[in-house]
């Protein structure tokens, strides 16, 4: 079967949304440095609520991008890490992030000019 993200019924479309949404992309790239516990991840992804992070992690785990490992300890310990597909995806997102961060002066100037015209 050929997949085409531009086709409404293509199953790749929801996965793309999980990856490129604000919390998905930040969560994936936060995990690029290695395994994190839930609260460590929540602190790393500044501004995400507990509920949104939980939903994001579930979606990314379902898509095969994040691995959830529950330790049978007291208290329970859950660690999150990237699968090979998640790692490859995070690397590509990081390249985009670094491009944007490096070009922010141009973006800010474009926004300033736009706002001055509006």
Protein backbone atom coordinates (compact mmCIF):
# COMPACT_ATOMS: atom_id res chain seq x y z
CA UNK A 1 0.00 0.00 0.00
CA UNK A 2 1.24 3.48 -0.85
CA UNK A 3 0.88 6.13 1.83
CA UNK A 4 0.10 9.74 0.99
CA UNK A 5 -0.15 12.18 3.88
CA UNK A 6 -2.13 14.56 1.65
CA UNK A 7 -4.94 11.99 1.33
CA UNK A 8 -7.62 12.52 3.98
CA UNK A 9 -7.86 8.84 4.94
CA UNK A 10 -4.12 8.12 5.01
CA UNK A 11 -3.09 6.60 8.36
CA UNK A 12 0.14 8.60 8.28
CA UNK A 13 -1.75 11.85 8.85
CA UNK A 14 -2.57 11.33 12.58
CA UNK A 15 1.02 10.20 13.22
CA UNK A 16 2.32 13.34 11.51
CA UNK A 17 0.03 15.39 13.75
CA UNK A 18 1.38 13.61 16.85
CA UNK A 19 4.96 14.33 15.80
CA UNK A 20 4.59 17.89 14.57
CA UNK A 21 2.24 19.18 17.23
CA UNK A 22 3.84 21.46 19.79
CA UNK A 23 4.00 18.89 22.58
CA UNK A 24 4.90 15.96 20.36
CA UNK A 25 7.91 17.62 18.77
CA UNK A 26 9.14 19.00 22.10
CA UNK A 27 8.67 15.67 23.86
CA UNK A 28 10.51 13.73 21.16
CA UNK A 29 13.43 16.15 21.08
CA UNK A 30 13.62 16.29 24.89
CA UNK A 31 14.06 12.50 24.88
CA UNK A 32 16.84 12.71 22.28
CA UNK A 33 19.37 13.19 25.09
CA UNK A 34 18.32 9.94 26.76
CA UNK A 35 15.83 8.27 29.04
CA UNK A 36 13.73 10.46 31.34
CA UNK A 37 11.14 9.89 34.02
CA UNK A 38 7.74 11.56 33.65
CA UNK A 39 8.44 14.50 35.99
CA UNK A 40 11.90 15.04 34.52
CA UNK A 41 10.32 15.20 31.09
CA UNK A 42 7.61 17.58 32.31
CA UNK A 43 10.25 19.93 33.73
CA UNK A 44 12.24 19.73 30.48
CA UNK A 45 9.20 20.57 28.32
CA UNK A 46 8.39 23.84 30.04
CA UNK A 47 4.69 24.73 29.95
CA UNK A 48 3.20 21.31 29.22
CA UNK A 49 0.51 20.18 31.63
CA UNK A 50 0.61 16.75 33.22
CA UNK A 51 -2.50 15.76 31.27
CA UNK A 52 -1.13 16.90 27.91
CA UNK A 53 2.22 15.22 28.47
CA UNK A 54 0.49 11.99 29.41
CA UNK A 55 -1.69 12.11 26.28
CA UNK A 56 1.30 12.99 24.11
CA UNK A 57 3.39 10.14 25.48
CA UNK A 58 0.55 7.67 24.94
CA UNK A 59 0.12 8.79 21.32
CA UNK A 60 3.86 8.63 20.63
CA UNK A 61 4.11 5.22 22.29
CA UNK A 62 1.19 3.94 20.20
CA UNK A 63 2.92 5.24 17.06
CA UNK A 64 6.10 3.33 17.95
CA UNK A 65 8.22 6.41 18.66
CA UNK A 66 8.48 6.26 22.46
CA UNK A 67 9.17 3.31 24.72
CA UNK A 68 7.56 3.27 28.18
CA UNK A 69 9.31 1.08 30.74
CA UNK A 70 7.57 0.54 34.08
CA UNK A 71 9.81 -0.71 36.89
CA UNK A 72 8.26 -2.95 39.52
CA UNK A 73 9.50 -0.89 42.46
CA UNK A 74 7.93 0.89 45.39
CA UNK A 75 7.11 3.62 44.55
CA UNK A 76 6.58 2.64 40.90
CA UNK A 77 9.11 4.04 38.44
CA UNK A 78 8.34 4.71 34.79
CA UNK A 79 11.02 5.69 32.30
CA UNK A 80 10.53 6.99 28.77
CA UNK A 81 12.99 6.71 25.91
CA UNK A 82 13.00 6.80 22.13
CA UNK A 83 12.67 3.78 19.90
CA UNK A 84 14.95 3.64 16.83
CA UNK A 85 12.16 5.27 14.79
CA UNK A 86 11.69 7.89 17.50
CA UNK A 87 15.42 8.62 17.54
CA UNK A 88 15.54 9.10 13.77
CA UNK A 89 12.48 11.35 13.93
CA UNK A 90 13.93 13.40 16.82
CA UNK A 91 17.19 13.91 14.91
CA UNK A 92 15.28 15.40 11.99
CA UNK A 93 13.21 17.60 14.30
CA UNK A 94 16.37 18.80 16.04
CA UNK A 95 17.85 19.80 12.68
CA UNK A 96 14.74 21.91 12.02
CA UNK A 97 14.84 23.38 15.53
CA UNK A 98 18.50 24.34 15.16
CA UNK A 99 17.79 25.93 11.78
CA UNK A 100 14.96 28.02 13.24
CA UNK A 101 16.89 29.02 16.35
CA UNK A 102 19.81 30.12 14.19
CA UNK A 103 17.59 32.18 11.90
CA UNK A 104 15.42 33.83 14.57
CA UNK A 105 16.86 37.32 13.95
CA UNK A 106 15.50 37.09 10.38
CA UNK A 107 12.15 35.79 11.61
CA UNK A 108 11.84 38.54 14.20
CA UNK A 109 12.72 41.18 11.62
CA UNK A 110 10.13 39.77 9.19
CA UNK A 111 7.53 39.85 11.96
CA UNK A 112 8.46 43.44 12.85
CA UNK A 113 8.11 44.53 9.22
CA UNK A 114 4.81 42.69 8.81
CA UNK A 115 3.39 44.21 12.00
CA UNK A 116 4.48 47.69 10.91
CA UNK A 117 2.51 47.27 7.67
CA UNK A 118 -0.59 45.90 9.37
